[in-house]
Amino acid sequence: VGLMESEQIKTIRLIVNRVRPEMIQLNQMISVEDILDLLVI
């Protein structure tokens, strides 16, 4: 994301792949919300 911004690519969006809801519920996998907080895109 930082490299893209430095190259003046302004439209940057996120796809979260291979999500396992049952692992998120058991706190064994990072949630999509936490990923969004970290990447801010």
PDB file of all heavy atoms in Angstrom:
ATOM      1  N   VAL A   1       0.844  -1.203   0.000  1.00  0.00           N
ATOM      2  CA  VAL A   1       0.000   0.000   0.000  1.00  0.00           C
ATOM      3  C   VAL A   1       0.878   1.250   0.000  1.00  0.00           C
ATOM      4  O   VAL A   1       0.649   2.200  -0.765  1.00  0.00           O
ATOM      5  CB  VAL A   1      -0.963   0.004   1.207  1.00  0.00           C
ATOM      6  CG1 VAL A   1      -1.649   1.365   1.338  1.00  0.00           C
ATOM      7  CG2 VAL A   1      -2.003  -1.099   1.064  1.00  0.00           C
ATOM      8  N   GLY A   2       1.909   1.248   0.846  1.00  0.00           N
ATOM      9  CA  GLY A   2       2.827   2.387   0.894  1.00  0.00           C
ATOM     10  C   GLY A   2       3.542   2.602  -0.430  1.00  0.00           C
ATOM     11  O   GLY A   2       3.702   3.752  -0.876  1.00  0.00           O
ATOM     12  N   LEU A   3       3.952   1.519  -1.084  1.00  0.00           N
ATOM     13  CA  LEU A   3       4.632   1.628  -2.379  1.00  0.00           C
ATOM     14  C   LEU A   3       3.681   2.168  -3.447  1.00  0.00           C
ATOM     15  O   LEU A   3       4.079   2.971  -4.297  1.00  0.00           O
ATOM     16  CB  LEU A   3       5.177   0.270  -2.806  1.00  0.00           C
ATOM     17  CG  LEU A   3       6.354  -0.279  -1.983  1.00  0.00           C
ATOM     18  CD1 LEU A   3       6.652  -1.722  -2.377  1.00  0.00           C
ATOM     19  CD2 LEU A   3       7.598   0.589  -2.172  1.00  0.00           C
ATOM     20  N   MET A   4       2.432   1.723  -3.411  1.00  0.00           N
ATOM     21  CA  MET A   4       1.442   2.217  -4.368  1.00  0.00           C
ATOM     22  C   MET A   4       1.221   3.719  -4.203  1.00  0.00           C
ATOM     23  O   MET A   4       1.158   4.470  -5.179  1.00  0.00           O
ATOM     24  CB  MET A   4       0.104   1.489  -4.172  1.00  0.00           C
ATOM     25  CG  MET A   4       0.141   0.036  -4.548  1.00  0.00           C
ATOM     26  SD  MET A   4       0.357  -0.180  -6.321  1.00  0.00           S
ATOM     27  CE  MET A   4       0.622  -1.934  -6.378  1.00  0.00           C
ATOM     28  N   GLU A   5       1.104   4.142  -2.965  1.00  0.00           N
ATOM     29  CA  GLU A   5       0.887   5.564  -2.705  1.00  0.00           C
ATOM     30  C   GLU A   5       2.072   6.394  -3.167  1.00  0.00           C
ATOM     31  O   GLU A   5       1.905   7.506  -3.687  1.00  0.00           O
ATOM     32  CB  GLU A   5       0.613   5.779  -1.211  1.00  0.00           C
ATOM     33  CG  GLU A   5      -0.739   5.212  -0.777  1.00  0.00           C
ATOM     34  CD  GLU A   5      -0.940   5.241   0.732  1.00  0.00           C
ATOM     35  OE1 GLU A   5       0.055   5.391   1.468  1.00  0.00           O
ATOM     36  OE2 GLU A   5      -2.104   5.098   1.162  1.00  0.00           O
ATOM     37  N   SER A   6       3.286   5.858  -3.007  1.00  0.00           N
ATOM     38  CA  SER A   6       4.483   6.576  -3.455  1.00  0.00           C
ATOM     39  C   SER A   6       4.550   6.672  -4.974  1.00  0.00           C
ATOM     40  O   SER A   6       5.199   7.560  -5.525  1.00  0.00           O
ATOM     41  CB  SER A   6       5.748   5.905  -2.923  1.00  0.00           C
ATOM     42  OG  SER A   6       5.954   4.645  -3.543  1.00  0.00           O
ATOM     43  N   GLU A   7       3.867   5.738  -5.674  1.00  0.00           N
ATOM     44  CA  GLU A   7       3.814   5.762  -7.137  1.00  0.00           C
ATOM     45  C   GLU A   7       2.608   6.559  -7.639  1.00  0.00           C
ATOM     46  O   GLU A   7       2.282   6.518  -8.824  1.00  0.00           O
ATOM     47  CB  GLU A   7       3.750   4.329  -7.685  1.00  0.00           C
ATOM     48  CG  GLU A   7       5.006   3.507  -7.443  1.00  0.00           C
ATOM     49  CD  GLU A   7       6.204   4.016  -8.223  1.00  0.00           C
ATOM     50  OE1 GLU A   7       6.005   4.553  -9.332  1.00  0.00           O
ATOM     51  OE2 GLU A   7       7.336   3.869  -7.717  1.00  0.00           O
ATOM     52  N   GLN A   8       1.942   7.264  -6.731  1.00  0.00           N
ATOM     53  CA  GLN A   8       0.791   8.120  -7.072  1.00  0.00           C
ATOM     54  C   GLN A   8      -0.411   7.330  -7.590  1.00  0.00           C
ATOM     55  O   GLN A   8      -1.222   7.853  -8.364  1.00  0.00           O
ATOM     56  CB  GLN A   8       1.200   9.181  -8.107  1.00  0.00           C
ATOM     57  CG  GLN A   8       2.382  10.046  -7.704  1.00  0.00           C
ATOM     58  CD  GLN A   8       2.142  10.777  -6.374  1.00  0.00           C
ATOM     59  OE1 GLN A   8       1.109  11.416  -6.203  1.00  0.00           O
ATOM     60  NE2 GLN A   8       3.079  10.662  -5.435  1.00  0.00           N
ATOM     61  N   ILE A   9      -0.513   6.059  -7.188  1.00  0.00           N
ATOM     62  CA  ILE A   9      -1.728   5.292  -7.479  1.00  0.00           C
ATOM     63  C   ILE A   9      -2.692   5.558  -6.327  1.00  0.00           C
ATOM     64  O   ILE A   9      -2.502   5.064  -5.222  1.00  0.00           O
ATOM     65  CB  ILE A   9      -1.421   3.783  -7.623  1.00  0.00           C
ATOM     66  CG1 ILE A   9      -0.467   3.561  -8.801  1.00  0.00           C
ATOM     67  CG2 ILE A   9      -2.708   2.987  -7.818  1.00  0.00           C
ATOM     68  CD1 ILE A   9      -0.010   2.122  -8.977  1.00  0.00           C
ATOM     69  N   LYS A  10      -3.702   6.331  -6.593  1.00  0.00           N
ATOM     70  CA  LYS A  10      -4.547   6.842  -5.509  1.00  0.00           C
ATOM     71  C   LYS A  10      -5.741   5.948  -5.189  1.00  0.00           C
ATOM     72  O   LYS A  10      -6.228   5.940  -4.072  1.00  0.00           O
ATOM     73  CB  LYS A  10      -5.021   8.263  -5.850  1.00  0.00           C
ATOM     74  CG  LYS A  10      -3.854   9.231  -6.073  1.00  0.00           C
ATOM     75  CD  LYS A  10      -4.328  10.656  -6.194  1.00  0.00           C
ATOM     76  CE  LYS A  10      -3.165  11.597  -6.492  1.00  0.00           C
ATOM     77  NZ  LYS A  10      -2.135  11.552  -5.460  1.00  0.00           N
ATOM     78  N   THR A  11      -6.227   5.215  -6.178  1.00  0.00           N
ATOM     79  CA  THR A  11      -7.375   4.336  -5.944  1.00  0.00           C
ATOM     80  C   THR A  11      -6.856   2.946  -5.593  1.00  0.00           C
ATOM     81  O   THR A  11      -6.422   2.188  -6.469  1.00  0.00           O
ATOM     82  CB  THR A  11      -8.291   4.273  -7.180  1.00  0.00           C
ATOM     83  OG1 THR A  11      -8.709   5.601  -7.512  1.00  0.00           O
ATOM     84  CG2 THR A  11      -9.517   3.412  -6.898  1.00  0.00           C
ATOM     85  N   ILE A  12      -6.885   2.640  -4.305  1.00  0.00           N
ATOM     86  CA  ILE A  12      -6.373   1.357  -3.808  1.00  0.00           C
ATOM     87  C   ILE A  12      -7.457   0.715  -2.958  1.00  0.00           C
ATOM     88  O   ILE A  12      -7.967   1.335  -2.023  1.00  0.00           O
ATOM     89  CB  ILE A  12      -5.100   1.556  -2.955  1.00  0.00           C
ATOM     90  CG1 ILE A  12      -4.050   2.359  -3.729  1.00  0.00           C
ATOM     91  CG2 ILE A  12      -4.525   0.206  -2.513  1.00  0.00           C
ATOM     92  CD1 ILE A  12      -2.867   2.777  -2.875  1.00  0.00           C
ATOM     93  N   ARG A  13      -7.832  -0.503  -3.300  1.00  0.00           N
ATOM     94  CA  ARG A  13      -8.880  -1.196  -2.550  1.00  0.00           C
ATOM     95  C   ARG A  13      -8.428  -2.600  -2.159  1.00  0.00           C
ATOM     96  O   ARG A  13      -7.452  -3.105  -2.698  1.00  0.00           O
ATOM     97  CB  ARG A  13     -10.174  -1.220  -3.364  1.00  0.00           C
ATOM     98  CG  ARG A  13     -10.885   0.133  -3.349  1.00  0.00           C
ATOM     99  CD  ARG A  13     -12.084   0.173  -4.237  1.00  0.00           C
ATOM    100  NE  ARG A  13     -11.715   0.307  -5.633  1.00  0.00           N
ATOM    101  CZ  ARG A  13     -12.578   0.614  -6.598  1.00  0.00           C
ATOM    102  NH1 ARG A  13     -13.854   0.795  -6.303  1.00  0.00           N
ATOM    103  NH2 ARG A  13     -12.178   0.726  -7.849  1.00  0.00           N
ATOM    104  N   LEU A  14      -9.160  -3.186  -1.238  1.00  0.00           N
ATOM    105  CA  LEU A  14      -8.723  -4.428  -0.589  1.00  0.00           C
ATOM    106  C   LEU A  14      -9.688  -5.574  -0.838  1.00  0.00           C
ATOM    107  O   LEU A  14     -10.910  -5.415  -0.753  1.00  0.00           O
ATOM    108  CB  LEU A  14      -8.604  -4.185   0.921  1.00  0.00           C
ATOM    109  CG  LEU A  14      -8.237  -5.388   1.799  1.00  0.00           C
ATOM    110  CD1 LEU A  14      -6.792  -5.823   1.551  1.00  0.00           C
ATOM    111  CD2 LEU A  14      -8.439  -5.046   3.278  1.00  0.00           C
ATOM    112  N   ILE A  15      -9.119  -6.745  -1.118  1.00  0.00           N
ATOM    113  CA  ILE A  15      -9.863  -8.007  -1.098  1.00  0.00           C
ATOM    114  C   ILE A  15      -9.215  -8.902  -0.055  1.00  0.00           C
ATOM    115  O   ILE A  15      -8.001  -9.127  -0.083  1.00  0.00           O
ATOM    116  CB  ILE A  15      -9.852  -8.709  -2.469  1.00  0.00           C
ATOM    117  CG1 ILE A  15     -10.703  -7.935  -3.478  1.00  0.00           C
ATOM    118  CG2 ILE A  15     -10.375 -10.144  -2.341  1.00  0.00           C
ATOM    119  CD1 ILE A  15     -10.694  -8.518  -4.880  1.00  0.00           C
ATOM    120  N   VAL A  16     -10.015  -9.397   0.883  1.00  0.00           N
ATOM    121  CA  VAL A  16      -9.528 -10.343   1.881  1.00  0.00           C
ATOM    122  C   VAL A  16      -9.943 -11.738   1.433  1.00  0.00           C
ATOM    123  O   VAL A  16     -11.133 -12.031   1.308  1.00  0.00           O
ATOM    124  CB  VAL A  16     -10.082 -10.034   3.285  1.00  0.00           C
ATOM    125  CG1 VAL A  16      -9.466 -10.989   4.314  1.00  0.00           C
ATOM    126  CG2 VAL A  16      -9.779  -8.586   3.672  1.00  0.00           C
ATOM    127  N   ASN A  17      -8.956 -12.569   1.179  1.00  0.00           N
ATOM    128  CA  ASN A  17      -9.188 -13.900   0.619  1.00  0.00           C
ATOM    129  C   ASN A  17      -9.034 -14.982   1.693  1.00  0.00           C
ATOM    130  O   ASN A  17      -8.343 -14.783   2.692  1.00  0.00           O
ATOM    131  CB  ASN A  17      -8.185 -14.134  -0.530  1.00  0.00           C
ATOM    132  CG  ASN A  17      -8.535 -15.332  -1.381  1.00  0.00           C
ATOM    133  OD1 ASN A  17      -9.699 -15.740  -1.462  1.00  0.00           O
ATOM    134  ND2 ASN A  17      -7.546 -15.913  -2.023  1.00  0.00           N
ATOM    135  N   ARG A  18      -9.667 -16.114   1.456  1.00  0.00           N
ATOM    136  CA  ARG A  18      -9.554 -17.309   2.308  1.00  0.00           C
ATOM    137  C   ARG A  18      -9.971 -17.042   3.759  1.00  0.00           C
ATOM    138  O   ARG A  18      -9.286 -17.431   4.706  1.00  0.00           O
ATOM    139  CB  ARG A  18      -8.137 -17.864   2.254  1.00  0.00           C
ATOM    140  CG  ARG A  18      -7.751 -18.340   0.867  1.00  0.00           C
ATOM    141  CD  ARG A  18      -6.360 -18.889   0.838  1.00  0.00           C
ATOM    142  NE  ARG A  18      -5.944 -19.159  -0.525  1.00  0.00           N
ATOM    143  CZ  ARG A  18      -4.689 -19.106  -0.958  1.00  0.00           C
ATOM    144  NH1 ARG A  18      -3.726 -18.784  -0.124  1.00  0.00           N
ATOM    145  NH2 ARG A  18      -4.401 -19.347  -2.215  1.00  0.00           N
ATOM    146  N   VAL A  19     -11.093 -16.422   3.908  1.00  0.00           N
ATOM    147  CA  VAL A  19     -11.618 -16.127   5.245  1.00  0.00           C
ATOM    148  C   VAL A  19     -12.376 -17.340   5.780  1.00  0.00           C
ATOM    149  O   VAL A  19     -13.193 -17.939   5.064  1.00  0.00           O
ATOM    150  CB  VAL A  19     -12.546 -14.892   5.200  1.00  0.00           C
ATOM    151  CG1 VAL A  19     -13.251 -14.685   6.544  1.00  0.00           C
ATOM    152  CG2 VAL A  19     -11.747 -13.657   4.817  1.00  0.00           C
ATOM    153  N   ARG A  20     -12.089 -17.708   7.032  1.00  0.00           N
ATOM    154  CA  ARG A  20     -12.788 -18.814   7.696  1.00  0.00           C
ATOM    155  C   ARG A  20     -13.550 -18.251   8.894  1.00  0.00           C
ATOM    156  O   ARG A  20     -12.964 -18.012   9.952  1.00  0.00           O
ATOM    157  CB  ARG A  20     -11.800 -19.884   8.145  1.00  0.00           C
ATOM    158  CG  ARG A  20     -11.058 -20.562   7.004  1.00  0.00           C
ATOM    159  CD  ARG A  20     -10.234 -21.714   7.507  1.00  0.00           C
ATOM    160  NE  ARG A  20      -9.524 -22.394   6.435  1.00  0.00           N
ATOM    161  CZ  ARG A  20      -8.814 -23.504   6.588  1.00  0.00           C
ATOM    162  NH1 ARG A  20      -8.728 -24.073   7.795  1.00  0.00           N
ATOM    163  NH2 ARG A  20      -8.193 -24.052   5.572  1.00  0.00           N
ATOM    164  N   PRO A  21     -14.850 -18.053   8.759  1.00  0.00           N
ATOM    165  CA  PRO A  21     -15.632 -17.437   9.834  1.00  0.00           C
ATOM    166  C   PRO A  21     -15.535 -18.172  11.158  1.00  0.00           C
ATOM    167  O   PRO A  21     -15.488 -17.551  12.225  1.00  0.00           O
ATOM    168  CB  PRO A  21     -17.065 -17.468   9.293  1.00  0.00           C
ATOM    169  CG  PRO A  21     -16.902 -17.522   7.813  1.00  0.00           C
ATOM    170  CD  PRO A  21     -15.665 -18.315   7.566  1.00  0.00           C
ATOM    171  N   GLU A  22     -15.499 -19.519  11.098  1.00  0.00           N
ATOM    172  CA  GLU A  22     -15.461 -20.274  12.360  1.00  0.00           C
ATOM    173  C   GLU A  22     -14.163 -20.023  13.117  1.00  0.00           C
ATOM    174  O   GLU A  22     -14.155 -19.990  14.359  1.00  0.00           O
ATOM    175  CB  GLU A  22     -15.653 -21.776  12.088  1.00  0.00           C
ATOM    176  CG  GLU A  22     -14.520 -22.477  11.341  1.00  0.00           C
ATOM    177  CD  GLU A  22     -14.569 -22.314   9.838  1.00  0.00           C
ATOM    178  OE1 GLU A  22     -15.397 -21.518   9.365  1.00  0.00           O
ATOM    179  OE2 GLU A  22     -13.772 -22.982   9.150  1.00  0.00           O
ATOM    180  N   MET A  23     -13.056 -19.811  12.414  1.00  0.00           N
ATOM    181  CA  MET A  23     -11.783 -19.522  13.076  1.00  0.00           C
ATOM    182  C   MET A  23     -11.776 -18.106  13.653  1.00  0.00           C
ATOM    183  O   MET A  23     -11.199 -17.863  14.713  1.00  0.00           O
ATOM    184  CB  MET A  23     -10.619 -19.693  12.099  1.00  0.00           C
ATOM    185  CG  MET A  23     -10.361 -21.140  11.711  1.00  0.00           C
ATOM    186  SD  MET A  23      -8.915 -21.331  10.650  1.00  0.00           S
ATOM    187  CE  MET A  23      -7.588 -20.954  11.824  1.00  0.00           C
ATOM    188  N   ILE A  24     -12.442 -17.182  12.960  1.00  0.00           N
ATOM    189  CA  ILE A  24     -12.558 -15.810  13.490  1.00  0.00           C
ATOM    190  C   ILE A  24     -13.369 -15.817  14.777  1.00  0.00           C
ATOM    191  O   ILE A  24     -13.020 -15.161  15.757  1.00  0.00           O
ATOM    192  CB  ILE A  24     -13.193 -14.880  12.433  1.00  0.00           C
ATOM    193  CG1 ILE A  24     -12.241 -14.714  11.237  1.00  0.00           C
ATOM    194  CG2 ILE A  24     -13.527 -13.513  13.040  1.00  0.00           C
ATOM    195  CD1 ILE A  24     -12.826 -13.940  10.079  1.00  0.00           C
ATOM    196  N   GLN A  25     -14.448 -16.606  14.787  1.00  0.00           N
ATOM    197  CA  GLN A  25     -15.283 -16.684  15.990  1.00  0.00           C
ATOM    198  C   GLN A  25     -14.518 -17.248  17.179  1.00  0.00           C
ATOM    199  O   GLN A  25     -14.783 -16.883  18.328  1.00  0.00           O
ATOM    200  CB  GLN A  25     -16.529 -17.536  15.714  1.00  0.00           C
ATOM    201  CG  GLN A  25     -17.561 -16.835  14.841  1.00  0.00           C
ATOM    202  CD  GLN A  25     -18.795 -17.694  14.634  1.00  0.00           C
ATOM    203  OE1 GLN A  25     -18.693 -18.903  14.446  1.00  0.00           O
ATOM    204  NE2 GLN A  25     -19.957 -17.070  14.665  1.00  0.00           N
ATOM    205  N   LEU A  26     -13.573 -18.127  16.901  1.00  0.00           N
ATOM    206  CA  LEU A  26     -12.773 -18.733  17.968  1.00  0.00           C
ATOM    207  C   LEU A  26     -11.496 -17.939  18.260  1.00  0.00           C
ATOM    208  O   LEU A  26     -10.635 -18.405  19.006  1.00  0.00           O
ATOM    209  CB  LEU A  26     -12.400 -20.177  17.584  1.00  0.00           C
ATOM    210  CG  LEU A  26     -13.563 -21.169  17.499  1.00  0.00           C
ATOM    211  CD1 LEU A  26     -13.111 -22.460  16.846  1.00  0.00           C
ATOM    212  CD2 LEU A  26     -14.134 -21.431  18.888  1.00  0.00           C
ATOM    213  N   ASN A  27     -11.384 -16.743  17.652  1.00  0.00           N
ATOM    214  CA  ASN A  27     -10.193 -15.886  17.812  1.00  0.00           C
ATOM    215  C   ASN A  27      -8.905 -16.582  17.368  1.00  0.00           C
ATOM    216  O   ASN A  27      -7.827 -16.352  17.910  1.00  0.00           O
ATOM    217  CB  ASN A  27     -10.046 -15.421  19.271  1.00  0.00           C
ATOM    218  CG  ASN A  27     -11.128 -14.435  19.667  1.00  0.00           C
ATOM    219  OD1 ASN A  27     -11.509 -13.573  18.873  1.00  0.00           O
ATOM    220  ND2 ASN A  27     -11.645 -14.577  20.879  1.00  0.00           N
ATOM    221  N   GLN A  28      -9.039 -17.428  16.347  1.00  0.00           N
ATOM    222  CA  GLN A  28      -7.873 -18.114  15.797  1.00  0.00           C
ATOM    223  C   GLN A  28      -7.429 -17.498  14.475  1.00  0.00           C
ATOM    224  O   GLN A  28      -6.444 -17.927  13.882  1.00  0.00           O
ATOM    225  CB  GLN A  28      -8.202 -19.602  15.587  1.00  0.00           C
ATOM    226  CG  GLN A  28      -8.462 -20.355  16.884  1.00  0.00           C
ATOM    227  CD  GLN A  28      -8.911 -21.787  16.642  1.00  0.00           C
ATOM    228  OE1 GLN A  28      -9.333 -22.146  15.540  1.00  0.00           O
ATOM    229  NE2 GLN A  28      -8.819 -22.609  17.675  1.00  0.00           N
ATOM    230  N   MET A  29      -8.164 -16.506  14.016  1.00  0.00           N
ATOM    231  CA  MET A  29      -7.857 -15.839  12.744  1.00  0.00           C
ATOM    232  C   MET A  29      -8.172 -14.357  12.890  1.00  0.00           C
ATOM    233  O   MET A  29      -9.121 -13.978  13.575  1.00  0.00           O
ATOM    234  CB  MET A  29      -8.687 -16.463  11.613  1.00  0.00           C
ATOM    235  CG  MET A  29      -8.486 -15.840  10.242  1.00  0.00           C
ATOM    236  SD  MET A  29      -9.358 -16.741   8.928  1.00  0.00           S
ATOM    237  CE  MET A  29      -8.174 -18.058   8.589  1.00  0.00           C
ATOM    238  N   ILE A  30      -7.361 -13.528  12.243  1.00  0.00           N
ATOM    239  CA  ILE A  30      -7.603 -12.077  12.282  1.00  0.00           C
ATOM    240  C   ILE A  30      -8.932 -11.781  11.598  1.00  0.00           C
ATOM    241  O   ILE A  30      -9.228 -12.321  10.525  1.00  0.00           O
ATOM    242  CB  ILE A  30      -6.490 -11.324  11.536  1.00  0.00           C
ATOM    243  CG1 ILE A  30      -5.114 -11.814  11.952  1.00  0.00           C
ATOM    244  CG2 ILE A  30      -6.596  -9.818  11.776  1.00  0.00           C
ATOM    245  CD1 ILE A  30      -4.005 -11.313  11.051  1.00  0.00           C
ATOM    246  N   SER A  31      -9.708 -10.907  12.179  1.00  0.00           N
ATOM    247  CA  SER A  31     -10.988 -10.541  11.575  1.00  0.00           C
ATOM    248  C   SER A  31     -10.774  -9.547  10.442  1.00  0.00           C
ATOM    249  O   SER A  31      -9.748  -8.860  10.370  1.00  0.00           O
ATOM    250  CB  SER A  31     -11.919  -9.933  12.627  1.00  0.00           C
ATOM    251  OG  SER A  31     -11.456  -8.648  13.018  1.00  0.00           O
ATOM    252  N   VAL A  32     -11.754  -9.453   9.560  1.00  0.00           N
ATOM    253  CA  VAL A  32     -11.694  -8.496   8.457  1.00  0.00           C
ATOM    254  C   VAL A  32     -11.633  -7.069   9.013  1.00  0.00           C
ATOM    255  O   VAL A  32     -10.904  -6.215   8.490  1.00  0.00           O
ATOM    256  CB  VAL A  32     -12.909  -8.671   7.525  1.00  0.00           C
ATOM    257  CG1 VAL A  32     -12.927  -7.589   6.446  1.00  0.00           C
ATOM    258  CG2 VAL A  32     -12.894 -10.053   6.887  1.00  0.00           C
ATOM    259  N   GLU A  33     -12.370  -6.825  10.089  1.00  0.00           N
ATOM    260  CA  GLU A  33     -12.364  -5.487  10.706  1.00  0.00           C
ATOM    261  C   GLU A  33     -10.964  -5.115  11.197  1.00  0.00           C
ATOM    262  O   GLU A  33     -10.519  -3.970  11.021  1.00  0.00           O
ATOM    263  CB  GLU A  33     -13.354  -5.433  11.877  1.00  0.00           C
ATOM    264  CG  GLU A  33     -14.826  -5.498  11.469  1.00  0.00           C
ATOM    265  CD  GLU A  33     -15.270  -6.916  11.093  1.00  0.00           C
ATOM    266  OE1 GLU A  33     -14.505  -7.887  11.344  1.00  0.00           O
ATOM    267  OE2 GLU A  33     -16.367  -7.053  10.528  1.00  0.00           O
ATOM    268  N   ASP A  34     -10.262  -6.076  11.798  1.00  0.00           N
ATOM    269  CA  ASP A  34      -8.899  -5.797  12.267  1.00  0.00           C
ATOM    270  C   ASP A  34      -7.960  -5.511  11.098  1.00  0.00           C
ATOM    271  O   ASP A  34      -7.081  -4.638  11.188  1.00  0.00           O
ATOM    272  CB  ASP A  34      -8.367  -6.982  13.079  1.00  0.00           C
ATOM    273  CG  ASP A  34      -9.030  -7.106  14.448  1.00  0.00           C
ATOM    274  OD1 ASP A  34      -9.594  -6.084  14.916  1.00  0.00           O
ATOM    275  OD2 ASP A  34      -8.992  -8.193  15.041  1.00  0.00           O
ATOM    276  N   ILE A  35      -8.136  -6.242  10.000  1.00  0.00           N
ATOM    277  CA  ILE A  35      -7.304  -6.006   8.815  1.00  0.00           C
ATOM    278  C   ILE A  35      -7.556  -4.615   8.259  1.00  0.00           C
ATOM    279  O   ILE A  35      -6.620  -3.890   7.887  1.00  0.00           O
ATOM    280  CB  ILE A  35      -7.584  -7.081   7.737  1.00  0.00           C
ATOM    281  CG1 ILE A  35      -7.135  -8.459   8.239  1.00  0.00           C
ATOM    282  CG2 ILE A  35      -6.874  -6.741   6.427  1.00  0.00           C
ATOM    283  CD1 ILE A  35      -7.547  -9.605   7.341  1.00  0.00           C
ATOM    284  N   LEU A  36      -8.814  -4.201   8.222  1.00  0.00           N
ATOM    285  CA  LEU A  36      -9.153  -2.863   7.738  1.00  0.00           C
ATOM    286  C   LEU A  36      -8.548  -1.782   8.633  1.00  0.00           C
ATOM    287  O   LEU A  36      -8.080  -0.750   8.142  1.00  0.00           O
ATOM    288  CB  LEU A  36     -10.672  -2.693   7.658  1.00  0.00           C
ATOM    289  CG  LEU A  36     -11.375  -3.488   6.548  1.00  0.00           C
ATOM    290  CD1 LEU A  36     -12.871  -3.403   6.706  1.00  0.00           C
ATOM    291  CD2 LEU A  36     -10.939  -2.987   5.184  1.00  0.00           C
ATOM    292  N   ASP A  37      -8.533  -2.021   9.943  1.00  0.00           N
ATOM    293  CA  ASP A  37      -7.922  -1.064  10.872  1.00  0.00           C
ATOM    294  C   ASP A  37      -6.421  -0.932  10.619  1.00  0.00           C
ATOM    295  O   ASP A  37      -5.847   0.154  10.755  1.00  0.00           O
ATOM    296  CB  ASP A  37      -8.155  -1.505  12.325  1.00  0.00           C
ATOM    297  CG  ASP A  37      -9.598  -1.292  12.773  1.00  0.00           C
ATOM    298  OD1 ASP A  37     -10.310  -0.512  12.105  1.00  0.00           O
ATOM    299  OD2 ASP A  37     -10.004  -1.910  13.769  1.00  0.00           O
ATOM    300  N   LEU A  38      -5.784  -2.050  10.238  1.00  0.00           N
ATOM    301  CA  LEU A  38      -4.339  -2.039  10.014  1.00  0.00           C
ATOM    302  C   LEU A  38      -3.968  -1.404   8.676  1.00  0.00           C
ATOM    303  O   LEU A  38      -2.981  -0.668   8.580  1.00  0.00           O
ATOM    304  CB  LEU A  38      -3.792  -3.472  10.073  1.00  0.00           C
ATOM    305  CG  LEU A  38      -3.776  -4.144  11.448  1.00  0.00           C
ATOM    306  CD1 LEU A  38      -3.551  -5.635  11.306  1.00  0.00           C
ATOM    307  CD2 LEU A  38      -2.691  -3.525  12.329  1.00  0.00           C
ATOM    308  N   LEU A  39      -4.755  -1.668   7.644  1.00  0.00           N
ATOM    309  CA  LEU A  39      -4.384  -1.219   6.296  1.00  0.00           C
ATOM    310  C   LEU A  39      -5.000   0.129   5.902  1.00  0.00           C
ATOM    311  O   LEU A  39      -4.462   0.838   5.048  1.00  0.00           O
ATOM    312  CB  LEU A  39      -4.777  -2.282   5.261  1.00  0.00           C
ATOM    313  CG  LEU A  39      -4.091  -3.643   5.411  1.00  0.00           C
ATOM    314  CD1 LEU A  39      -4.537  -4.591   4.296  1.00  0.00           C
ATOM    315  CD2 LEU A  39      -2.576  -3.500   5.392  1.00  0.00           C
ATOM    316  N   VAL A  40      -6.135   0.441   6.470  1.00  0.00           N
ATOM    317  CA  VAL A  40      -6.804   1.734   6.247  1.00  0.00           C
ATOM    318  C   VAL A  40      -7.019   2.002   4.748  1.00  0.00           C
ATOM    319  O   VAL A  40      -6.708   3.088   4.253  1.00  0.00           O
ATOM    320  CB  VAL A  40      -6.014   2.903   6.893  1.00  0.00           C
ATOM    321  CG1 VAL A  40      -6.938   4.112   7.072  1.00  0.00           C
ATOM    322  CG2 VAL A  40      -5.408   2.509   8.223  1.00  0.00           C
ATOM    323  N   ILE A  41      -7.546   1.031   4.037  1.00  0.00           N
ATOM    324  CA  ILE A  41      -7.975   1.227   2.652  1.00  0.00           C
ATOM    325  C   ILE A  41      -9.369   0.623   2.510  1.00  0.00           C
ATOM    326  O   ILE A  41      -9.748  -0.256   3.278  1.00  0.00           O
ATOM    327  CB  ILE A  41      -6.998   0.585   1.635  1.00  0.00           C
ATOM    328  CG1 ILE A  41      -6.787  -0.910   1.918  1.00  0.00           C
ATOM    329  CG2 ILE A  41      -5.686   1.337   1.590  1.00  0.00           C
ATOM    330  CD1 ILE A  41      -5.947  -1.614   0.854  1.00  0.00           C
TER     331      ILE A  41
END
